[in-house]
Protein backbone atom coordinates (compact mmCIF):
# COMPACT_ATOMS: atom_id res chain seq x y z
CA MET A 1 15.19 1.31 -17.67
CA MET A 2 16.96 4.43 -16.40
CA ASP A 3 17.03 5.95 -19.90
CA GLU A 4 13.30 5.26 -20.29
CA ARG A 5 12.54 6.88 -16.93
CA LEU A 6 14.53 9.98 -17.87
CA GLU A 7 12.71 10.11 -21.21
CA LEU A 8 9.34 10.01 -19.42
CA GLU A 9 10.40 12.74 -16.99
CA ARG A 10 11.28 14.96 -19.95
CA GLY A 11 7.87 14.28 -21.46
CA GLY A 12 9.36 12.53 -24.49
CA ARG A 13 11.31 15.64 -25.47
CA GLY A 14 14.67 13.88 -25.79
CA PRO A 15 18.01 15.17 -24.41
CA SER A 16 18.21 18.83 -23.45
CA PHE A 17 20.51 21.25 -25.26
CA LEU A 18 23.12 21.11 -22.48
CA GLU A 19 23.04 17.31 -22.48
CA ARG A 20 23.75 17.25 -26.21
CA ILE A 21 26.86 19.41 -25.83
CA THR A 22 30.08 17.42 -25.99
CA ALA A 23 33.41 18.84 -24.87
CA PRO A 24 35.78 19.53 -27.78
CA HIS A 25 38.73 17.19 -28.21
CA THR A 26 42.05 18.47 -26.87
CA TYR A 27 43.46 18.64 -30.41
CA ALA A 28 40.49 20.80 -31.43
CA ILE A 29 41.04 23.16 -28.47
CA LEU A 30 44.71 23.63 -29.33
CA PHE A 31 43.95 24.11 -33.02
CA PHE A 32 41.43 26.83 -32.16
CA LEU A 33 44.05 28.59 -30.02
CA ALA A 34 46.56 28.35 -32.89
CA VAL A 35 44.00 30.02 -35.19
CA LEU A 36 43.59 32.81 -32.61
CA ALA A 37 47.38 33.22 -32.55
CA VAL A 38 47.39 33.60 -36.35
CA ILE A 39 44.65 36.22 -36.12
CA GLY A 40 46.74 38.00 -33.50
CA THR A 41 49.67 38.30 -35.92
CA TRP A 42 47.34 40.21 -38.29
CA LEU A 43 45.70 42.44 -35.68
CA LEU A 44 48.54 43.26 -33.25
CA PRO A 45 51.43 45.52 -34.31
CA ALA A 46 54.75 43.72 -34.66
CA GLY A 47 57.50 45.02 -32.40
CA GLU A 48 60.57 44.08 -30.41
CA PHE A 49 62.99 45.30 -27.76
CA ASP A 50 66.73 45.66 -28.16
CA ARG A 51 68.64 43.06 -26.21
CA VAL A 52 72.15 43.08 -24.74
CA LEU A 53 74.23 40.43 -23.02
CA ASN A 54 73.97 40.63 -19.25
CA GLU A 55 77.16 39.01 -18.00
CA ALA A 56 75.73 38.59 -14.49
CA VAL A 57 73.06 36.20 -15.76
CA GLY A 58 74.84 35.01 -18.91
CA ARG A 59 71.85 35.81 -21.14
CA ASN A 60 70.60 38.42 -23.56
CA VAL A 61 68.16 40.62 -21.67
CA VAL A 62 65.71 43.30 -22.77
CA VAL A 63 66.86 46.93 -22.73
CA PRO A 64 64.05 49.03 -21.15
CA GLY A 65 62.70 51.86 -23.27
CA THR A 66 63.90 50.39 -26.57
CA PHE A 67 60.63 48.91 -27.82
CA LYS A 68 60.10 49.75 -31.47
CA ALA A 69 57.77 48.76 -34.26
CA VAL A 70 59.14 46.36 -36.87
CA GLU A 71 57.87 45.18 -40.20
CA GLN A 72 54.55 43.37 -39.91
CA THR A 73 54.97 39.63 -40.55
CA PRO A 74 51.51 38.09 -40.27
CA VAL A 75 51.27 34.31 -40.52
CA SER A 76 49.38 33.06 -43.57
CA PHE A 77 46.71 30.37 -43.75
CA PHE A 78 49.29 27.87 -45.04
CA GLY A 79 51.78 29.14 -42.47
CA LEU A 80 49.39 27.97 -39.75
CA PHE A 81 49.93 24.40 -40.88
CA THR A 82 53.68 24.64 -41.52
CA ALA A 83 53.93 25.92 -37.93
CA TYR A 84 52.84 22.48 -36.74
CA MET A 85 55.92 20.89 -38.25
CA GLU A 86 58.12 23.66 -36.88
CA GLY A 87 56.49 23.28 -33.47
CA PHE A 88 57.24 19.57 -33.50
CA ILE A 89 60.88 20.29 -34.34
CA GLU A 90 61.17 22.99 -31.65
CA GLY A 91 59.65 20.66 -29.07
CA ALA A 92 61.68 17.62 -30.16
CA ASP A 93 63.74 17.57 -26.96
CA VAL A 94 60.60 17.57 -24.80
CA VAL A 95 58.87 15.01 -27.04
CA GLY A 96 61.89 12.72 -26.82
CA PHE A 97 62.12 13.06 -23.06
CA VAL A 98 58.42 12.32 -22.57
CA PHE A 99 58.65 9.29 -24.87
CA PHE A 100 61.58 7.81 -23.00
CA ALA A 101 60.47 8.74 -19.47
CA TYR A 102 56.94 7.41 -19.98
CA THR A 103 57.93 4.20 -21.78
CA SER A 104 60.58 3.39 -19.19
CA TRP A 105 58.03 3.58 -16.40
CA TYR A 106 55.65 1.66 -18.64
CA VAL A 107 58.18 -1.19 -18.80
CA VAL A 108 58.58 -1.17 -15.02
CA LEU A 109 54.80 -1.18 -14.59
CA ARG A 110 54.60 -4.17 -16.95
CA THR A 111 56.80 -6.17 -14.52
CA LYS A 112 54.14 -5.62 -11.78
CA ALA A 113 56.93 -4.73 -9.32
CA LEU A 114 55.46 -1.32 -8.55
CA HIS A 115 52.05 -2.91 -8.17
CA ALA A 116 53.48 -5.22 -5.52
CA ALA A 117 55.26 -2.30 -3.80
CA VAL A 118 52.06 -0.26 -3.67
CA GLY A 119 50.21 -3.31 -2.36
CA ALA A 120 52.78 -3.70 0.41
CA MET A 121 52.40 -0.02 1.29
CA LEU A 122 48.61 -0.37 1.45
CA ARG A 123 48.97 -3.33 3.82
CA VAL A 124 51.32 -1.37 6.08
CA PHE A 125 49.24 1.82 6.24
CA GLY A 126 45.76 1.67 7.62
CA GLU A 127 42.82 3.45 6.03
CA ASN A 128 43.30 6.54 8.22
CA GLN A 129 47.01 6.80 7.47
CA ARG A 130 46.62 6.40 3.69
CA ARG A 131 44.92 9.76 3.32
CA TYR A 132 48.17 11.48 4.28
CA ILE A 133 50.26 9.81 1.56
CA MET A 134 49.31 12.09 -1.34
CA PRO A 135 49.51 15.34 0.69
CA PHE A 136 52.96 14.28 1.92
CA PHE A 137 54.21 13.78 -1.63
CA LEU A 138 52.66 17.07 -2.75
CA PHE A 139 54.87 18.79 -0.18
CA VAL A 140 57.87 16.77 -1.41
CA PHE A 141 57.34 17.76 -5.05
CA GLY A 142 56.61 21.32 -3.98
CA PHE A 143 59.86 21.71 -2.09
CA CYS A 144 61.84 20.04 -4.92
CA ALA A 145 60.44 22.69 -7.30
CA SER A 146 60.92 25.47 -4.78
CA ILE A 147 64.53 24.67 -3.95
CA PHE A 148 66.22 23.31 -7.07
CA GLY A 149 63.67 24.00 -9.80
CA MET A 150 62.20 20.55 -10.50
CA PHE A 151 59.43 20.69 -13.08
CA GLU A 152 59.81 18.65 -16.26
CA GLU A 153 61.88 16.17 -14.24
CA SER A 154 58.71 15.29 -12.32
CA PHE A 155 56.91 14.03 -15.44
CA GLY A 156 58.46 10.58 -15.11
CA PHE A 157 56.69 10.09 -11.78
CA LEU A 158 53.20 10.72 -13.15
CA PRO A 159 52.40 7.10 -14.19
CA LEU A 160 53.32 5.81 -10.73
CA PHE A 161 51.28 8.38 -8.82
CA VAL A 162 48.27 8.01 -11.10
CA GLY A 163 48.32 4.25 -10.47
CA MET A 164 48.82 4.71 -6.72
CA ALA A 165 45.89 7.09 -6.47
CA ILE A 166 43.59 4.69 -8.31
CA ALA A 167 44.70 1.79 -6.09
CA MET A 168 43.95 3.84 -2.99
CA GLY A 169 40.34 4.27 -4.09
CA TYR A 170 40.70 7.72 -5.63
CA ASP A 171 41.20 8.44 -9.35
CA GLY A 172 44.03 9.39 -11.70
CA MET A 173 43.28 13.09 -11.25
CA VAL A 174 44.40 12.89 -7.61
CA GLY A 175 47.73 11.32 -8.58
CA ALA A 176 48.38 13.74 -11.45
CA ALA A 177 47.43 16.76 -9.32
CA THR A 178 49.74 15.64 -6.52
CA VAL A 179 52.68 15.94 -8.91
CA ALA A 180 51.54 18.81 -11.16
CA VAL A 181 50.06 21.11 -8.51
CA GLY A 182 52.99 20.33 -6.22
CA VAL A 183 55.60 21.59 -8.68
CA GLY A 184 53.33 24.42 -9.88
CA MET A 185 52.89 25.76 -6.36
CA GLY A 186 56.59 25.14 -5.69
CA TYR A 187 57.50 27.43 -8.56
CA SER A 188 54.95 30.06 -7.48
CA ALA A 189 56.56 30.90 -4.14
CA ALA A 190 59.95 29.33 -4.72
CA ILE A 191 62.47 29.82 -1.94
CA MET A 192 65.66 29.53 -4.01
CA ASN A 193 64.71 28.19 -7.46
CA PRO A 194 67.76 28.92 -9.66
CA PHE A 195 65.66 29.27 -12.84
CA THR A 196 63.28 31.87 -11.43
CA VAL A 197 64.26 33.41 -8.08
CA ILE A 198 68.01 33.64 -8.54
CA LEU A 199 67.83 34.66 -12.21
CA ALA A 200 65.13 37.28 -11.57
CA GLN A 201 66.99 38.71 -8.58
CA LYS A 202 70.14 38.98 -10.70
CA CYS A 203 68.20 40.83 -13.40
CA ALA A 204 66.70 43.13 -10.75
CA GLU A 205 70.11 43.61 -9.09
CA LEU A 206 68.91 42.33 -5.73
CA PRO A 207 70.94 40.35 -3.16
CA LEU A 208 70.64 36.68 -4.07
CA LEU A 209 68.06 34.73 -2.05
CA SER A 210 66.95 37.90 -0.24
CA GLY A 211 63.41 37.70 1.10
CA TRP A 212 63.49 33.92 1.49
CA PRO A 213 61.75 33.77 4.94
CA PHE A 214 58.68 35.50 3.48
CA ARG A 215 58.65 33.13 0.51
CA LEU A 216 58.99 30.12 2.83
CA VAL A 217 55.81 31.16 4.66
CA LEU A 218 54.06 31.59 1.30
CA SER A 219 55.24 28.17 0.10
CA LEU A 220 53.91 26.39 3.18
CA SER A 221 50.58 28.22 2.86
CA PHE A 222 50.23 27.38 -0.85
CA PHE A 223 51.11 23.71 -0.29
CA ALA A 224 48.65 23.37 2.59
CA VAL A 225 45.73 24.89 0.65
CA SER A 226 46.51 22.76 -2.42
CA ALA A 227 46.74 19.58 -0.36
CA LEU A 228 43.40 20.35 1.29
CA TYR A 229 41.74 21.02 -2.08
CA ILE A 230 42.99 17.74 -3.56
CA ALA A 231 42.17 15.81 -0.37
CA ARG A 232 38.56 17.04 -0.45
CA TYR A 233 38.17 15.95 -4.05
CA ALA A 234 39.82 12.60 -3.24
CA ALA A 235 37.45 11.98 -0.31
CA ARG A 236 34.45 12.74 -2.52
CA VAL A 237 35.63 10.28 -5.18
CA LYS A 238 36.35 7.59 -2.60
CA ALA A 239 32.86 7.95 -1.13
CA ASP A 240 31.21 7.85 -4.56
CA PRO A 241 33.36 6.84 -7.58
CA THR A 242 30.73 8.27 -9.95
CA GLN A 243 31.74 11.72 -8.68
CA SER A 244 35.13 11.29 -10.31
CA LEU A 245 35.76 13.61 -13.24
CA LEU A 246 37.46 10.63 -14.87
CA HIS A 247 34.55 8.25 -14.36
CA GLY A 248 34.43 6.07 -17.48
CA VAL A 249 37.84 7.23 -18.79
CA ASP A 250 40.12 4.30 -19.69
CA MET A 251 43.41 4.69 -17.80
CA GLY A 252 45.05 1.77 -19.64
CA GLU A 253 48.22 0.36 -18.09
CA LEU A 254 48.19 3.07 -15.42
CA HIS A 255 45.20 1.45 -13.69
CA MET A 256 46.00 -0.45 -10.48
CA ASP A 257 43.34 -2.60 -8.82
CA HIS A 258 43.22 -2.34 -5.02
CA ASP A 259 42.22 -5.92 -4.19
CA GLU A 260 44.74 -7.37 -6.63
CA LEU A 261 47.51 -5.22 -5.18
CA VAL A 262 46.80 -6.09 -1.56
CA SER A 263 46.94 -9.80 -2.36
CA MET A 264 50.26 -9.59 -4.27
CA LYS A 265 53.43 -10.83 -2.60
CA PHE A 266 56.35 -8.41 -2.57
CA THR A 267 58.94 -10.92 -3.77
CA LEU A 268 62.71 -10.52 -3.95
CA ARG A 269 62.50 -9.96 -7.72
CA TYR A 270 60.00 -7.15 -7.21
CA LYS A 271 62.14 -5.61 -4.48
CA LEU A 272 65.16 -5.56 -6.78
CA VAL A 273 63.17 -3.79 -9.49
CA CYS A 274 62.02 -1.20 -6.95
CA LEU A 275 65.61 -0.70 -5.81
CA ILE A 276 66.55 0.00 -9.42
CA CYS A 277 63.81 2.63 -9.58
CA LEU A 278 64.86 4.20 -6.28
CA GLY A 279 68.46 4.23 -7.47
CA ALA A 280 67.40 5.98 -10.67
CA VAL A 281 65.53 8.62 -8.65
CA GLY A 282 68.60 9.16 -6.47
CA VAL A 283 70.86 9.53 -9.50
CA LEU A 284 68.30 11.92 -11.04
CA MET A 285 68.47 14.17 -7.96
CA TRP A 286 72.27 14.12 -7.97
CA GLY A 287 72.47 14.73 -11.70
CA VAL A 288 70.07 17.69 -11.67
CA ILE A 289 71.51 19.37 -8.56
CA ALA A 290 75.23 18.61 -8.86
CA GLN A 291 75.78 18.02 -12.59
CA GLY A 292 73.20 20.23 -14.26
CA TRP A 293 71.57 17.33 -16.11
CA TYR A 294 68.60 17.99 -18.34
CA PHE A 295 66.62 16.19 -21.04
CA ASN A 296 69.45 14.27 -22.72
CA GLU A 297 70.93 12.85 -19.53
CA LEU A 298 67.59 12.31 -17.81
CA GLY A 299 66.16 10.55 -20.86
CA ALA A 300 69.18 8.25 -20.92
CA LEU A 301 68.77 7.56 -17.20
CA PHE A 302 65.13 6.57 -17.64
CA VAL A 303 65.94 4.28 -20.58
CA LEU A 304 68.60 2.54 -18.50
CA MET A 305 66.12 2.16 -15.65
CA GLY A 306 63.55 0.66 -18.03
CA ILE A 307 66.00 -1.85 -19.51
CA LEU A 308 67.37 -2.97 -16.13
CA GLY A 309 63.89 -3.05 -14.60
CA GLY A 310 62.50 -5.12 -17.45
CA MET A 311 65.32 -7.65 -17.39
CA VAL A 312 65.43 -8.02 -13.60
CA GLY A 313 61.63 -8.05 -13.51
CA GLY A 314 61.54 -11.19 -15.66
CA LEU A 315 60.32 -9.74 -18.96
CA GLY A 316 63.39 -10.97 -20.84
CA VAL A 317 64.92 -9.30 -23.89
CA ASN A 318 61.90 -9.65 -26.17
CA GLY A 319 59.40 -8.85 -23.42
CA THR A 320 61.30 -5.69 -22.44
CA ALA A 321 61.55 -4.60 -26.08
CA LYS A 322 57.83 -5.23 -26.62
CA ALA A 323 56.97 -3.27 -23.47
CA PHE A 324 59.02 -0.32 -24.79
CA ALA A 325 57.18 -0.53 -28.11
CA ASP A 326 53.79 -0.71 -26.41
CA GLY A 327 54.71 2.26 -24.23
CA PHE A 328 55.65 4.32 -27.27
CA CYS A 329 52.28 3.52 -28.85
CA ASP A 330 50.44 4.37 -25.64
CA ILE A 331 51.97 7.87 -25.34
CA ALA A 332 52.27 8.76 -29.06
CA ALA A 333 48.96 10.59 -29.35
CA GLY A 334 49.74 12.52 -26.19
CA CYS A 335 53.16 13.58 -27.43
CA LEU A 336 51.50 15.30 -30.38
CA LEU A 337 50.00 17.69 -27.82
CA ILE A 338 53.51 18.97 -27.13
CA ALA A 339 53.97 19.86 -30.79
CA PHE A 340 50.51 21.43 -30.90
CA GLY A 341 51.32 23.58 -27.87
CA ARG A 342 54.64 24.71 -29.40
CA THR A 343 52.81 25.59 -32.61
CA MET A 344 51.21 28.61 -30.96
CA LEU A 345 54.61 29.88 -29.81
CA VAL A 346 56.05 29.43 -33.30
CA ILE A 347 53.19 31.51 -34.73
CA LEU A 348 53.63 34.27 -32.15
CA GLN A 349 57.38 34.38 -32.78
CA LYS A 350 56.91 34.52 -36.55
CA GLY A 351 54.47 37.39 -36.12
CA HIS A 352 56.90 39.26 -33.81
CA ILE A 353 54.15 40.02 -31.31
CA ILE A 354 55.53 38.48 -28.08
CA ASP A 355 57.51 41.63 -27.19
CA THR A 356 54.47 43.66 -28.25
CA VAL A 357 52.31 41.87 -25.67
CA ALA A 358 54.94 42.39 -22.93
CA TYR A 359 55.29 46.09 -23.78
CA TYR A 360 51.61 46.99 -23.97
CA CYS A 361 50.79 44.95 -20.85
CA SER A 362 53.36 46.96 -18.88
CA LEU A 363 52.15 50.41 -20.03
CA PRO A 364 48.98 50.65 -17.88
CA LEU A 365 50.96 49.84 -14.74
CA SER A 366 52.84 53.15 -14.91
CA VAL A 367 49.66 55.19 -14.30
CA LEU A 368 48.13 53.05 -11.55
CA PRO A 369 48.33 53.76 -7.80
CA LYS A 370 51.17 51.99 -6.00
CA TRP A 371 49.12 49.20 -4.42
CA LEU A 372 47.08 48.56 -7.55
CA ALA A 373 50.16 48.59 -9.79
CA ALA A 374 51.70 45.84 -7.67
CA GLU A 375 48.62 43.67 -8.19
CA GLY A 376 48.69 44.63 -11.87
CA MET A 377 52.20 43.20 -12.13
CA LEU A 378 50.80 39.89 -10.91
CA VAL A 379 48.11 39.90 -13.62
CA VAL A 380 50.59 40.90 -16.32
CA GLN A 381 53.09 38.18 -15.40
CA ASN A 382 50.37 35.52 -15.47
CA LEU A 383 49.27 36.71 -18.92
CA ILE A 384 52.80 36.89 -20.29
CA ASN A 385 53.44 33.32 -19.17
CA PHE A 386 50.95 32.25 -21.85
CA PHE A 387 53.26 33.74 -24.47
CA ILE A 388 56.62 32.96 -22.79
CA PRO A 389 56.12 29.67 -20.89
CA SER A 390 59.69 29.55 -19.63
CA GLY A 391 60.84 30.82 -16.26
CA SER A 392 64.28 31.91 -17.42
CA GLY A 393 62.92 33.21 -20.74
CA GLN A 394 60.27 35.28 -19.02
CA ALA A 395 62.75 36.64 -16.48
CA VAL A 396 65.10 38.12 -19.07
CA VAL A 397 62.18 39.71 -20.96
CA THR A 398 60.07 41.12 -18.14
CA MET A 399 62.39 41.81 -15.19
CA PRO A 400 64.46 44.49 -16.99
CA ILE A 401 61.11 46.26 -17.61
CA MET A 402 59.40 45.60 -14.28
CA ALA A 403 62.36 46.37 -11.98
CA PRO A 404 62.84 50.01 -13.13
CA LEU A 405 59.05 50.42 -13.28
CA ALA A 406 58.83 49.33 -9.65
CA ASP A 407 61.34 52.06 -8.74
CA LEU A 408 59.22 54.71 -10.48
CA LEU A 409 56.09 53.52 -8.67
CA GLY A 410 57.76 53.39 -5.27
CA ILE A 411 57.41 49.61 -5.11
CA SER A 412 60.23 47.40 -3.91
CA ARG A 413 62.00 45.41 -6.64
CA GLN A 414 61.48 42.42 -4.38
CA VAL A 415 57.74 42.79 -5.01
CA ALA A 416 58.37 42.84 -8.77
CA VAL A 417 60.34 39.60 -8.46
CA LEU A 418 57.57 38.06 -6.37
CA ALA A 419 54.96 38.99 -9.01
CA PHE A 420 57.16 37.38 -11.65
CA GLN A 421 57.46 34.19 -9.59
CA PHE A 422 53.72 33.99 -9.06
CA GLY A 423 53.06 34.53 -12.76
CA ASP A 424 55.47 31.81 -13.80
CA GLY A 425 54.26 29.28 -11.25
CA LEU A 426 50.72 27.97 -11.11
CA SER A 427 49.90 29.11 -14.65
CA ASN A 428 52.42 26.53 -15.91
CA VAL A 429 49.73 23.93 -15.21
CA MET A 430 47.02 26.17 -16.62
CA TRP A 431 48.06 27.61 -19.98
CA PRO A 432 47.99 25.17 -22.93
CA THR A 433 51.20 26.72 -24.26
CA ALA A 434 53.00 25.56 -21.11
CA ASP A 435 53.28 22.07 -19.62
CA ILE A 436 49.74 20.97 -18.86
CA PRO A 437 49.12 19.26 -22.25
CA ILE A 438 52.21 17.13 -21.59
CA ILE A 439 51.11 16.29 -18.05
CA CYS A 440 47.62 15.32 -19.21
CA ALA A 441 49.05 13.20 -22.02
CA ILE A 442 51.25 11.20 -19.66
CA ALA A 443 48.49 10.85 -17.05
CA HIS A 444 45.80 9.85 -19.61
CA ILE A 445 43.62 12.77 -18.52
CA PRO A 446 41.53 14.68 -21.11
CA LEU A 447 42.53 18.35 -21.06
CA ASN A 448 38.95 19.57 -20.56
CA LYS A 449 38.63 17.28 -17.49
CA TRP A 450 41.80 18.79 -16.03
CA TYR A 451 40.42 22.32 -16.43
CA LYS A 452 37.17 21.36 -14.76
CA PHE A 453 39.18 20.11 -11.77
CA PHE A 454 41.84 22.80 -11.73
CA LEU A 455 40.08 26.09 -12.54
CA PRO A 456 38.65 26.57 -9.01
CA LEU A 457 42.09 25.89 -7.50
CA PHE A 458 43.68 28.29 -9.98
CA GLY A 459 41.24 30.97 -8.82
CA ILE A 460 42.09 30.24 -5.18
CA GLY A 461 45.78 30.36 -6.05
CA LEU A 462 45.41 33.77 -7.75
CA LEU A 463 43.61 35.12 -4.70
CA MET A 464 46.40 33.86 -2.41
CA GLN A 465 48.99 35.39 -4.72
CA ALA A 466 47.17 38.72 -4.63
CA ILE A 467 47.15 38.57 -0.82
CA GLY A 468 50.86 37.73 -0.88
CA ILE A 469 51.61 40.75 -3.09
CA ALA A 470 49.53 43.02 -0.81
CA ALA A 471 51.35 41.69 2.25
CA ALA A 472 54.74 42.26 0.60
CA VAL A 473 53.84 45.89 -0.22
CA LEU A 474 52.45 46.45 3.28
CA LEU A 475 55.59 45.00 4.91
CA GLY A 476 57.84 47.04 2.62
CA LEU A 477 59.85 44.04 1.44
């Protein structure tokens, strides 16, 4: 009846042009970007900087003023497709970690223990108190990123927070954004992140952790604005579920039903499974902070959590094994996104144009007025993060260029470090070459839906970063 009424209102003309447009599949978007990268290897001049070992940071860093043209190595049509295999191999550690982290939580979700725990939480907190849960955890994830550099380690929590958000009457976007925006903002104005702040300050020859009070104020401001943005979207979805950007999207095993959860008993078996999960989170924190654990150790930790959780949760040997297998199947298509994202980086590296982009982006800054050059550094760092989506990798490429340039312009090196931080922060959950395809894959969120939600917040974040840079220049940090 509704379709007929719409047809009559249109005068029998059928769907409009805009209504016939369908968003391209995520794979198609990433393939198109890979094609653009190939074109770039033909159009942009190949070049590279000399690099020397900086013993202070233990890495090879760029030598300013040494950029030179090298032999052009454009990627061929067939090379575009071989880059997919190479991208998969380069991203194998991330793919493996995502497989094991996701499937381990999948096993725990299959036991229904987390469902019962969320149900118990919903019974304890009234309707008014529940709205503070997601903002609270956004601050937690933000400070974890800001202080000890949590980012990829947070991926394992995505299934739980997506399910929690749905159970609370919101949608999976709220849960995914709580984790992703939290760590993205945490990186942006990190207080003492060892992978960005400390490394960049070493490269810029600044006192370690200098300027932290200013960055603390920025962090709190960024977290508060992000929490408010997500809370407004969550309230809109709760009032009218059809307003959800994920309305009609199948969330699979991540879906948690509110009424079913509230009626579930939080039995001793379920409590033991939750204790196993909490223990795993505690060990994760200790391993990352005290032992320097990364993908190998964290992947092993999640597998152990999944096995113990499945057995204690009553799935048995075969049930636990089947849950692992089902989890692998559920995340397989998403893990291909990781390889597709790495493909673009493989193409850019083969074409030797990453240093070219960094060099030519930095040139205009040298002729700009002091205040405008500082804002230009912010823009440049955000752009370069598309090509070098690694905090430490970007630091050793850009800081040896930006720090001396800041001296020439009369800008504090602290401002150059701040621009680097901003550029390597929020854009990590924006650029498809960074981590957002992985996050969307785990959270079962189509990439185009994420951009529709996130682009306004990204614009707000850029404005706040620009204000932060202006304040830093004004204060003479």
